[in-house]
N, C-alpha and C. Protein backbone atom coordinates (compact mmCIF):
# COMPACT_ATOMS: atom_id res chain seq x y z
N MET A 1 7.66 -17.76 -10.36
CA MET A 1 7.88 -16.61 -9.49
C MET A 1 6.63 -16.41 -8.62
N SER A 2 6.83 -16.38 -7.33
CA SER A 2 5.72 -16.22 -6.40
C SER A 2 5.35 -14.75 -6.26
N THR A 3 4.07 -14.52 -5.97
CA THR A 3 3.51 -13.17 -5.90
C THR A 3 2.90 -12.92 -4.53
N ALA A 4 2.92 -11.65 -4.10
CA ALA A 4 2.20 -11.22 -2.90
C ALA A 4 1.45 -9.93 -3.23
N LEU A 5 0.32 -9.75 -2.57
CA LEU A 5 -0.42 -8.50 -2.67
C LEU A 5 -0.01 -7.63 -1.49
N VAL A 6 0.41 -6.40 -1.77
CA VAL A 6 0.83 -5.47 -0.73
C VAL A 6 -0.17 -4.31 -0.68
N VAL A 7 -0.84 -4.19 0.47
CA VAL A 7 -1.84 -3.15 0.69
C VAL A 7 -1.18 -2.06 1.54
N VAL A 8 -1.15 -0.84 1.01
CA VAL A 8 -0.43 0.26 1.67
C VAL A 8 -1.40 1.31 2.23
N ASP A 9 -1.33 1.51 3.54
CA ASP A 9 -1.97 2.63 4.23
C ASP A 9 -3.46 2.83 3.98
N MET A 10 -4.18 1.76 3.98
CA MET A 10 -5.65 1.87 3.90
C MET A 10 -6.18 2.07 5.32
N ILE A 11 -5.78 3.21 5.91
CA ILE A 11 -6.14 3.52 7.29
C ILE A 11 -7.02 4.78 7.35
N ASN A 12 -7.75 4.91 8.44
CA ASN A 12 -8.72 6.00 8.59
C ASN A 12 -8.13 7.38 8.38
N ALA A 13 -6.93 7.63 8.88
CA ALA A 13 -6.34 8.97 8.81
C ALA A 13 -6.31 9.53 7.40
N PHE A 14 -6.04 8.70 6.44
CA PHE A 14 -5.86 9.18 5.08
C PHE A 14 -7.17 9.36 4.32
N PHE A 15 -8.29 8.99 4.96
CA PHE A 15 -9.59 9.13 4.32
C PHE A 15 -10.49 10.11 5.06
N GLU A 16 -9.91 10.90 5.97
CA GLU A 16 -10.70 11.85 6.75
C GLU A 16 -11.09 13.09 5.96
N GLY A 17 -10.26 13.47 5.00
CA GLY A 17 -10.53 14.69 4.24
C GLY A 17 -10.69 14.44 2.76
N GLU A 18 -10.97 15.53 2.07
CA GLU A 18 -11.09 15.49 0.61
C GLU A 18 -9.70 15.33 0.02
N PRO A 19 -9.54 14.76 -1.12
CA PRO A 19 -10.54 14.13 -1.97
C PRO A 19 -10.69 12.62 -1.72
N LEU A 20 -9.97 12.05 -0.77
CA LEU A 20 -10.05 10.60 -0.55
C LEU A 20 -11.32 10.17 0.18
N LYS A 21 -11.86 11.02 1.02
CA LYS A 21 -13.03 10.63 1.82
C LYS A 21 -14.16 10.03 0.98
N PRO A 22 -14.57 10.70 -0.11
CA PRO A 22 -15.66 10.11 -0.90
C PRO A 22 -15.24 8.85 -1.69
N LEU A 23 -13.95 8.59 -1.78
CA LEU A 23 -13.47 7.42 -2.52
C LEU A 23 -13.26 6.19 -1.63
N ARG A 24 -13.40 6.36 -0.31
CA ARG A 24 -13.07 5.30 0.63
C ARG A 24 -13.78 3.98 0.34
N LYS A 25 -15.09 4.03 0.21
CA LYS A 25 -15.85 2.78 0.00
C LYS A 25 -15.48 2.10 -1.31
N GLU A 26 -15.39 2.88 -2.37
CA GLU A 26 -15.06 2.31 -3.68
C GLU A 26 -13.64 1.74 -3.68
N LEU A 27 -12.69 2.51 -3.13
CA LEU A 27 -11.31 2.03 -3.10
C LEU A 27 -11.18 0.80 -2.21
N THR A 28 -11.86 0.79 -1.09
CA THR A 28 -11.84 -0.38 -0.20
C THR A 28 -12.39 -1.60 -0.94
N ALA A 29 -13.46 -1.42 -1.68
CA ALA A 29 -14.04 -2.53 -2.45
C ALA A 29 -13.05 -3.06 -3.49
N LYS A 30 -12.32 -2.17 -4.14
CA LYS A 30 -11.33 -2.59 -5.15
C LYS A 30 -10.16 -3.33 -4.50
N VAL A 31 -9.70 -2.83 -3.35
CA VAL A 31 -8.62 -3.52 -2.62
C VAL A 31 -9.12 -4.89 -2.16
N ASN A 32 -10.33 -4.93 -1.63
CA ASN A 32 -10.90 -6.20 -1.16
C ASN A 32 -11.06 -7.21 -2.30
N GLU A 33 -11.41 -6.72 -3.48
CA GLU A 33 -11.53 -7.62 -4.63
C GLU A 33 -10.20 -8.33 -4.88
N LEU A 34 -9.12 -7.58 -4.80
CA LEU A 34 -7.79 -8.18 -4.98
C LEU A 34 -7.43 -9.08 -3.81
N ALA A 35 -7.68 -8.62 -2.58
CA ALA A 35 -7.33 -9.40 -1.39
C ALA A 35 -8.11 -10.71 -1.34
N ASP A 36 -9.40 -10.66 -1.65
CA ASP A 36 -10.22 -11.86 -1.62
C ASP A 36 -9.74 -12.88 -2.66
N ALA A 37 -9.44 -12.39 -3.87
CA ALA A 37 -8.95 -13.29 -4.92
C ALA A 37 -7.58 -13.86 -4.55
N ALA A 38 -6.73 -13.02 -3.97
CA ALA A 38 -5.40 -13.50 -3.56
C ALA A 38 -5.54 -14.62 -2.54
N LYS A 39 -6.36 -14.39 -1.54
CA LYS A 39 -6.56 -15.42 -0.50
C LYS A 39 -7.10 -16.70 -1.10
N GLU A 40 -8.05 -16.56 -2.02
CA GLU A 40 -8.65 -17.73 -2.67
C GLU A 40 -7.61 -18.54 -3.45
N LYS A 41 -6.64 -17.85 -4.02
CA LYS A 41 -5.60 -18.50 -4.83
C LYS A 41 -4.35 -18.86 -4.01
N GLY A 42 -4.38 -18.60 -2.70
CA GLY A 42 -3.23 -18.91 -1.87
C GLY A 42 -2.09 -17.92 -2.01
N ILE A 43 -2.40 -16.73 -2.51
CA ILE A 43 -1.41 -15.67 -2.67
C ILE A 43 -1.39 -14.86 -1.38
N PRO A 44 -0.23 -14.69 -0.76
CA PRO A 44 -0.19 -13.95 0.50
C PRO A 44 -0.54 -12.48 0.33
N VAL A 45 -1.18 -11.95 1.38
CA VAL A 45 -1.54 -10.53 1.43
C VAL A 45 -0.76 -9.92 2.58
N VAL A 46 -0.11 -8.77 2.31
CA VAL A 46 0.63 -8.04 3.32
C VAL A 46 -0.05 -6.69 3.50
N ASN A 47 -0.51 -6.42 4.72
CA ASN A 47 -1.17 -5.16 5.02
C ASN A 47 -0.20 -4.26 5.78
N ILE A 48 0.08 -3.10 5.19
CA ILE A 48 1.06 -2.17 5.77
C ILE A 48 0.33 -0.92 6.25
N ARG A 49 0.57 -0.57 7.51
CA ARG A 49 -0.07 0.60 8.11
C ARG A 49 0.98 1.50 8.75
N THR A 50 0.76 2.79 8.64
CA THR A 50 1.59 3.77 9.32
C THR A 50 1.08 3.95 10.74
N GLN A 51 2.00 4.01 11.70
CA GLN A 51 1.68 4.30 13.10
C GLN A 51 2.87 5.03 13.71
N HIS A 52 2.57 5.96 14.60
CA HIS A 52 3.63 6.70 15.29
C HIS A 52 3.44 6.66 16.80
N GLU A 53 4.54 6.81 17.50
CA GLU A 53 4.53 6.91 18.96
C GLU A 53 4.28 8.37 19.35
N ARG A 54 3.60 8.59 20.43
CA ARG A 54 3.32 9.95 20.89
C ARG A 54 4.60 10.67 21.35
N ASN A 55 5.61 9.92 21.75
CA ASN A 55 6.83 10.52 22.31
C ASN A 55 7.77 11.10 21.25
N LYS A 56 7.35 11.14 20.02
CA LYS A 56 8.09 11.72 18.89
C LYS A 56 9.24 10.84 18.39
N SER A 57 9.46 9.70 19.00
CA SER A 57 10.59 8.84 18.60
C SER A 57 10.46 8.29 17.19
N THR A 58 9.26 8.26 16.64
CA THR A 58 9.06 7.72 15.30
C THR A 58 8.61 8.79 14.30
N TRP A 59 8.57 10.04 14.73
CA TRP A 59 8.05 11.10 13.88
C TRP A 59 9.00 11.39 12.72
N THR A 60 8.41 11.81 11.60
CA THR A 60 9.19 12.24 10.46
C THR A 60 9.74 13.64 10.70
N GLN A 61 10.65 14.06 9.86
CA GLN A 61 11.23 15.39 10.00
C GLN A 61 10.17 16.48 9.94
N SER A 62 9.22 16.37 9.02
CA SER A 62 8.19 17.41 8.92
C SER A 62 7.27 17.40 10.15
N MET A 63 6.99 16.25 10.71
CA MET A 63 6.18 16.19 11.93
C MET A 63 6.92 16.88 13.09
N ILE A 64 8.22 16.66 13.17
CA ILE A 64 9.03 17.29 14.23
C ILE A 64 9.05 18.81 14.02
N GLU A 65 9.30 19.23 12.78
CA GLU A 65 9.35 20.67 12.49
C GLU A 65 8.02 21.36 12.80
N ASP A 66 6.91 20.68 12.51
CA ASP A 66 5.58 21.24 12.76
C ASP A 66 5.10 21.00 14.19
N ASP A 67 5.85 20.20 14.93
CA ASP A 67 5.48 19.78 16.29
C ASP A 67 4.05 19.25 16.33
N GLN A 68 3.76 18.43 15.33
CA GLN A 68 2.42 17.86 15.24
C GLN A 68 2.50 16.45 14.68
N GLY A 69 2.16 15.49 15.52
CA GLY A 69 2.12 14.10 15.09
C GLY A 69 0.72 13.66 14.77
N PHE A 70 0.61 12.47 14.21
CA PHE A 70 -0.70 11.87 13.93
C PHE A 70 -0.53 10.37 13.76
N VAL A 71 -1.59 9.68 13.50
CA VAL A 71 -1.68 8.21 13.42
C VAL A 71 -0.91 7.53 14.56
N PHE A 72 -1.33 7.88 15.76
CA PHE A 72 -0.68 7.34 16.95
C PHE A 72 -1.16 5.92 17.23
N VAL A 73 -0.26 5.11 17.74
CA VAL A 73 -0.57 3.74 18.12
C VAL A 73 -1.83 3.74 18.99
N GLY A 74 -2.78 2.90 18.61
CA GLY A 74 -4.01 2.75 19.39
C GLY A 74 -5.14 3.69 19.01
N ASP A 75 -4.85 4.78 18.33
CA ASP A 75 -5.89 5.72 17.94
C ASP A 75 -6.70 5.18 16.76
N ASP A 76 -7.93 5.63 16.64
CA ASP A 76 -8.81 5.18 15.57
C ASP A 76 -8.26 5.54 14.19
N ASP A 77 -7.61 6.70 14.08
CA ASP A 77 -7.12 7.08 12.75
C ASP A 77 -5.98 6.20 12.25
N ALA A 78 -5.36 5.43 13.12
CA ALA A 78 -4.29 4.50 12.73
C ALA A 78 -4.82 3.11 12.39
N GLN A 79 -6.13 2.92 12.47
CA GLN A 79 -6.74 1.61 12.21
C GLN A 79 -7.13 1.50 10.74
N ASN A 80 -7.26 0.26 10.27
CA ASN A 80 -7.72 0.01 8.91
C ASN A 80 -9.09 0.64 8.70
N VAL A 81 -9.35 1.07 7.47
CA VAL A 81 -10.67 1.61 7.15
C VAL A 81 -11.72 0.52 7.34
N GLU A 82 -12.91 0.95 7.67
CA GLU A 82 -14.01 0.02 7.88
C GLU A 82 -14.23 -0.83 6.63
N GLY A 83 -14.37 -2.13 6.85
CA GLY A 83 -14.66 -3.04 5.76
C GLY A 83 -13.46 -3.60 5.04
N LEU A 84 -12.26 -3.17 5.37
CA LEU A 84 -11.07 -3.68 4.70
C LEU A 84 -10.86 -5.14 5.12
N ALA A 85 -10.79 -6.03 4.15
CA ALA A 85 -10.74 -7.48 4.41
C ALA A 85 -9.30 -8.00 4.46
N VAL A 86 -8.57 -7.60 5.50
CA VAL A 86 -7.17 -8.02 5.62
C VAL A 86 -6.86 -8.62 7.00
N GLU A 87 -7.88 -9.15 7.66
CA GLU A 87 -7.69 -9.68 9.01
C GLU A 87 -6.64 -10.79 9.04
N ASP A 88 -6.61 -11.62 8.01
CA ASP A 88 -5.68 -12.75 7.97
C ASP A 88 -4.35 -12.40 7.29
N ALA A 89 -4.18 -11.16 6.92
CA ALA A 89 -2.97 -10.75 6.20
C ALA A 89 -1.77 -10.67 7.14
N VAL A 90 -0.59 -10.72 6.55
CA VAL A 90 0.64 -10.42 7.28
C VAL A 90 0.59 -8.94 7.59
N GLN A 91 0.82 -8.56 8.84
CA GLN A 91 0.71 -7.16 9.25
C GLN A 91 2.10 -6.54 9.42
N VAL A 92 2.31 -5.38 8.81
CA VAL A 92 3.56 -4.65 8.93
C VAL A 92 3.23 -3.21 9.32
N VAL A 93 3.91 -2.71 10.33
CA VAL A 93 3.73 -1.32 10.77
C VAL A 93 4.96 -0.52 10.34
N LYS A 94 4.72 0.64 9.74
CA LYS A 94 5.81 1.49 9.28
C LYS A 94 5.69 2.88 9.86
N THR A 95 6.78 3.64 9.78
CA THR A 95 6.78 5.02 10.26
C THR A 95 7.22 6.01 9.18
N ARG A 96 7.48 5.52 8.00
CA ARG A 96 7.91 6.37 6.89
C ARG A 96 7.12 6.01 5.64
N ASP A 97 7.23 6.85 4.60
CA ASP A 97 6.56 6.55 3.34
C ASP A 97 7.02 5.22 2.77
N ASN A 98 8.29 4.94 2.89
CA ASN A 98 8.90 3.71 2.37
C ASN A 98 8.53 2.54 3.28
N SER A 99 7.76 1.62 2.77
CA SER A 99 7.30 0.48 3.56
C SER A 99 8.43 -0.47 3.96
N PHE A 100 9.58 -0.35 3.34
CA PHE A 100 10.73 -1.19 3.68
C PHE A 100 11.57 -0.59 4.80
N TYR A 101 11.53 0.74 4.94
CA TYR A 101 12.39 1.44 5.88
C TYR A 101 12.00 1.13 7.32
N GLY A 102 12.93 0.57 8.07
CA GLY A 102 12.71 0.31 9.49
C GLY A 102 11.68 -0.77 9.78
N THR A 103 11.36 -1.59 8.79
CA THR A 103 10.40 -2.68 8.98
C THR A 103 11.05 -4.01 8.59
N ASP A 104 10.33 -5.08 8.81
CA ASP A 104 10.81 -6.39 8.39
C ASP A 104 10.12 -6.86 7.11
N LEU A 105 9.64 -5.90 6.30
CA LEU A 105 8.94 -6.25 5.06
C LEU A 105 9.79 -7.12 4.15
N GLU A 106 11.06 -6.77 3.97
CA GLU A 106 11.93 -7.55 3.07
C GLU A 106 12.01 -9.01 3.53
N GLU A 107 12.22 -9.23 4.83
CA GLU A 107 12.32 -10.59 5.35
C GLU A 107 11.00 -11.33 5.19
N ARG A 108 9.90 -10.63 5.43
CA ARG A 108 8.59 -11.27 5.28
C ARG A 108 8.35 -11.68 3.84
N LEU A 109 8.69 -10.82 2.89
CA LEU A 109 8.52 -11.17 1.48
C LEU A 109 9.42 -12.35 1.11
N LYS A 110 10.63 -12.36 1.63
CA LYS A 110 11.53 -13.51 1.38
C LYS A 110 10.93 -14.78 1.94
N ASN A 111 10.42 -14.72 3.16
CA ASN A 111 9.81 -15.90 3.79
C ASN A 111 8.58 -16.39 3.02
N LEU A 112 7.90 -15.48 2.36
CA LEU A 112 6.73 -15.82 1.55
C LEU A 112 7.14 -16.23 0.13
N HIS A 113 8.44 -16.16 -0.17
CA HIS A 113 8.99 -16.44 -1.51
C HIS A 113 8.36 -15.54 -2.57
N ALA A 114 8.04 -14.32 -2.18
CA ALA A 114 7.37 -13.37 -3.06
C ALA A 114 8.39 -12.50 -3.76
N GLU A 115 8.68 -12.84 -4.99
CA GLU A 115 9.61 -12.04 -5.80
C GLU A 115 8.87 -10.94 -6.56
N LYS A 116 7.57 -11.12 -6.72
CA LYS A 116 6.73 -10.16 -7.42
C LYS A 116 5.70 -9.65 -6.43
N ILE A 117 5.44 -8.33 -6.46
CA ILE A 117 4.40 -7.78 -5.59
C ILE A 117 3.43 -6.93 -6.41
N VAL A 118 2.19 -7.03 -6.04
CA VAL A 118 1.14 -6.18 -6.58
C VAL A 118 0.85 -5.16 -5.48
N ILE A 119 1.00 -3.88 -5.80
CA ILE A 119 0.80 -2.82 -4.81
C ILE A 119 -0.52 -2.11 -5.05
N CYS A 120 -1.25 -1.91 -3.93
CA CYS A 120 -2.48 -1.12 -3.96
C CYS A 120 -2.52 -0.27 -2.69
N GLY A 121 -3.42 0.71 -2.65
CA GLY A 121 -3.56 1.54 -1.46
C GLY A 121 -3.34 3.01 -1.74
N VAL A 122 -2.91 3.75 -0.72
CA VAL A 122 -2.71 5.20 -0.82
C VAL A 122 -1.37 5.59 -0.18
N SER A 123 -0.89 6.68 -0.50
CA SER A 123 -1.22 7.63 -1.52
C SER A 123 -0.24 7.46 -2.67
N THR A 124 -0.75 7.58 -3.86
CA THR A 124 0.02 7.26 -5.07
C THR A 124 1.41 7.90 -5.07
N HIS A 125 1.47 9.21 -4.85
CA HIS A 125 2.71 9.96 -5.02
C HIS A 125 3.63 9.90 -3.81
N THR A 126 3.18 9.32 -2.71
CA THR A 126 4.03 9.22 -1.52
C THR A 126 4.28 7.75 -1.20
N CYS A 127 3.51 7.18 -0.32
CA CYS A 127 3.80 5.83 0.20
C CYS A 127 3.80 4.76 -0.89
N VAL A 128 2.86 4.83 -1.83
CA VAL A 128 2.83 3.85 -2.91
C VAL A 128 4.07 4.01 -3.78
N ALA A 129 4.38 5.23 -4.20
CA ALA A 129 5.51 5.47 -5.09
C ALA A 129 6.85 5.12 -4.45
N VAL A 130 7.05 5.52 -3.21
CA VAL A 130 8.33 5.26 -2.55
C VAL A 130 8.50 3.76 -2.30
N THR A 131 7.42 3.08 -1.92
CA THR A 131 7.48 1.64 -1.72
C THR A 131 7.76 0.92 -3.04
N ALA A 132 7.12 1.35 -4.11
CA ALA A 132 7.35 0.75 -5.42
C ALA A 132 8.79 0.97 -5.89
N ALA A 133 9.30 2.18 -5.70
CA ALA A 133 10.69 2.47 -6.10
C ALA A 133 11.68 1.64 -5.28
N GLU A 134 11.43 1.52 -3.99
CA GLU A 134 12.32 0.72 -3.14
C GLU A 134 12.25 -0.76 -3.51
N ALA A 135 11.08 -1.25 -3.84
CA ALA A 135 10.96 -2.64 -4.28
C ALA A 135 11.79 -2.86 -5.54
N TYR A 136 11.75 -1.90 -6.45
CA TYR A 136 12.57 -1.98 -7.66
C TYR A 136 14.05 -2.04 -7.29
N ALA A 137 14.47 -1.20 -6.35
CA ALA A 137 15.88 -1.18 -5.92
C ALA A 137 16.29 -2.52 -5.30
N ARG A 138 15.31 -3.26 -4.80
CA ARG A 138 15.56 -4.57 -4.19
C ARG A 138 15.32 -5.71 -5.18
N ASN A 139 15.25 -5.36 -6.46
CA ASN A 139 15.09 -6.34 -7.55
C ASN A 139 13.80 -7.12 -7.47
N ARG A 140 12.76 -6.48 -7.03
CA ARG A 140 11.44 -7.11 -7.02
C ARG A 140 10.63 -6.58 -8.20
N GLU A 141 9.92 -7.47 -8.84
CA GLU A 141 8.98 -7.07 -9.88
C GLU A 141 7.76 -6.47 -9.19
N VAL A 142 7.30 -5.32 -9.69
CA VAL A 142 6.16 -4.63 -9.09
C VAL A 142 5.09 -4.42 -10.15
N ILE A 143 3.87 -4.69 -9.75
CA ILE A 143 2.70 -4.38 -10.57
C ILE A 143 1.86 -3.38 -9.77
N LEU A 144 1.42 -2.33 -10.42
CA LEU A 144 0.62 -1.29 -9.78
C LEU A 144 -0.85 -1.50 -10.13
N ALA A 145 -1.68 -1.64 -9.10
CA ALA A 145 -3.11 -1.93 -9.27
C ALA A 145 -3.87 -0.62 -9.46
N LYS A 146 -3.99 -0.16 -10.70
CA LYS A 146 -4.52 1.18 -10.96
C LYS A 146 -5.93 1.40 -10.43
N ASP A 147 -6.76 0.37 -10.36
CA ASP A 147 -8.12 0.54 -9.85
C ASP A 147 -8.15 0.62 -8.33
N ALA A 148 -7.07 0.22 -7.68
CA ALA A 148 -7.04 0.13 -6.21
C ALA A 148 -5.95 1.01 -5.61
N ILE A 149 -5.58 2.07 -6.33
CA ILE A 149 -4.61 3.05 -5.84
C ILE A 149 -5.23 4.44 -6.01
N ALA A 150 -5.03 5.28 -5.01
CA ALA A 150 -5.55 6.65 -5.10
C ALA A 150 -4.60 7.59 -4.36
N SER A 151 -4.83 8.88 -4.57
CA SER A 151 -3.99 9.90 -3.95
C SER A 151 -4.84 11.03 -3.39
N HIS A 152 -4.34 11.65 -2.33
CA HIS A 152 -5.00 12.84 -1.79
C HIS A 152 -4.64 14.08 -2.61
N VAL A 153 -3.74 13.91 -3.58
CA VAL A 153 -3.43 14.98 -4.53
C VAL A 153 -3.68 14.41 -5.93
N PRO A 154 -4.94 14.44 -6.37
CA PRO A 154 -5.33 13.74 -7.60
C PRO A 154 -4.57 14.15 -8.86
N ASP A 155 -4.14 15.42 -8.95
CA ASP A 155 -3.48 15.83 -10.18
C ASP A 155 -2.10 15.21 -10.37
N VAL A 156 -1.53 14.59 -9.34
CA VAL A 156 -0.24 13.91 -9.51
C VAL A 156 -0.40 12.39 -9.57
N HIS A 157 -1.61 11.90 -9.36
CA HIS A 157 -1.87 10.46 -9.35
C HIS A 157 -1.42 9.79 -10.65
N GLU A 158 -1.99 10.21 -11.76
CA GLU A 158 -1.67 9.60 -13.06
C GLU A 158 -0.21 9.80 -13.44
N ARG A 159 0.31 11.00 -13.20
CA ARG A 159 1.72 11.27 -13.54
C ARG A 159 2.66 10.38 -12.74
N THR A 160 2.33 10.13 -11.48
CA THR A 160 3.18 9.27 -10.64
C THR A 160 3.16 7.84 -11.17
N LEU A 161 1.97 7.33 -11.48
CA LEU A 161 1.89 5.97 -12.04
C LEU A 161 2.67 5.88 -13.35
N GLU A 162 2.52 6.89 -14.19
CA GLU A 162 3.25 6.91 -15.47
C GLU A 162 4.76 6.95 -15.25
N LEU A 163 5.21 7.71 -14.27
CA LEU A 163 6.64 7.78 -13.95
C LEU A 163 7.15 6.42 -13.49
N LEU A 164 6.43 5.77 -12.59
CA LEU A 164 6.85 4.45 -12.10
C LEU A 164 6.90 3.44 -13.25
N ASN A 165 5.95 3.56 -14.16
CA ASN A 165 5.94 2.68 -15.32
C ASN A 165 7.12 2.95 -16.24
N ALA A 166 7.38 4.22 -16.51
CA ALA A 166 8.46 4.58 -17.43
C ALA A 166 9.85 4.35 -16.84
N GLU A 167 10.05 4.75 -15.60
CA GLU A 167 11.38 4.65 -14.99
C GLU A 167 11.73 3.26 -14.50
N TYR A 168 10.74 2.55 -13.94
CA TYR A 168 11.01 1.27 -13.31
C TYR A 168 10.34 0.10 -14.01
N ARG A 169 9.70 0.38 -15.15
CA ARG A 169 9.02 -0.66 -15.94
C ARG A 169 8.00 -1.42 -15.11
N GLN A 170 7.30 -0.70 -14.25
CA GLN A 170 6.28 -1.31 -13.42
C GLN A 170 4.93 -1.18 -14.13
N PRO A 171 4.38 -2.31 -14.56
CA PRO A 171 3.11 -2.25 -15.28
C PRO A 171 1.98 -1.71 -14.41
N ILE A 172 1.08 -0.98 -15.05
CA ILE A 172 -0.11 -0.44 -14.40
C ILE A 172 -1.28 -1.25 -14.95
N LEU A 173 -1.84 -2.11 -14.10
CA LEU A 173 -2.89 -3.02 -14.56
C LEU A 173 -4.19 -2.77 -13.81
N SER A 174 -5.29 -3.02 -14.49
CA SER A 174 -6.61 -2.95 -13.86
C SER A 174 -6.80 -4.17 -12.97
N ASN A 175 -7.78 -4.10 -12.09
CA ASN A 175 -8.08 -5.27 -11.26
C ASN A 175 -8.39 -6.48 -12.14
N GLU A 176 -9.15 -6.26 -13.19
CA GLU A 176 -9.51 -7.36 -14.10
C GLU A 176 -8.25 -8.02 -14.67
N GLU A 177 -7.29 -7.21 -15.11
CA GLU A 177 -6.04 -7.76 -15.66
C GLU A 177 -5.23 -8.49 -14.60
N ILE A 178 -5.17 -7.95 -13.38
CA ILE A 178 -4.43 -8.59 -12.29
C ILE A 178 -5.07 -9.93 -11.94
N LEU A 179 -6.39 -9.93 -11.80
CA LEU A 179 -7.08 -11.16 -11.45
C LEU A 179 -6.83 -12.24 -12.50
N ARG A 180 -6.92 -11.88 -13.76
CA ARG A 180 -6.77 -12.85 -14.85
C ARG A 180 -5.30 -13.22 -15.09
N ASP A 181 -4.45 -12.21 -15.27
CA ASP A 181 -3.09 -12.46 -15.75
C ASP A 181 -2.06 -12.70 -14.66
N VAL A 182 -2.31 -12.20 -13.45
CA VAL A 182 -1.33 -12.34 -12.38
C VAL A 182 -1.78 -13.38 -11.35
N PHE A 183 -3.04 -13.29 -10.93
CA PHE A 183 -3.55 -14.21 -9.91
C PHE A 183 -4.11 -15.50 -10.53
N GLY A 184 -4.36 -15.50 -11.83
CA GLY A 184 -4.87 -16.71 -12.49
C GLY A 184 -6.31 -17.03 -12.16
N VAL A 185 -7.12 -15.99 -11.91
CA VAL A 185 -8.54 -16.20 -11.66
C VAL A 185 -9.25 -16.21 -13.00
N SER A 186 -9.99 -17.27 -13.24
CA SER A 186 -10.68 -17.36 -14.55
C SER A 186 -12.13 -16.95 -14.45
């Protein structure tokens, strides 16, 4: 079974405020540890970023209701965080929490023969959780990289990971476990 590393929303917008701002460097280092090992082992890396159009055509319902958009195409807040090592990754742009919705992620994973995905990034209870649940619905095995996932609402972080593990049997593994047991790094 082939594996891919899926990096979700490691973009500037989500690290501008507390509590993610002080975690940016550490989380980026943990994601990079996985991405570097994946590249070394020939495991594809998929970098997923949220971006919206200024004309409201891609806005979510809450953005429309609030008449306030963000992460606009071309703006700095829609760019990868500084130091994120995903230049050679497959790039996917999304407009919803679900990384599969309105994107070609499914086709890209099929083309990569990736039946198993390791998910890392932010935010645990939104984009990571919805992407993991959708991957389950698409019969993909999912591993959650606990050292490389964070949330802007920390009190739901652990509960969300536990729910994904209990409901969808998605293992929660440390970077060390992923490197050794999934990527085969000795």
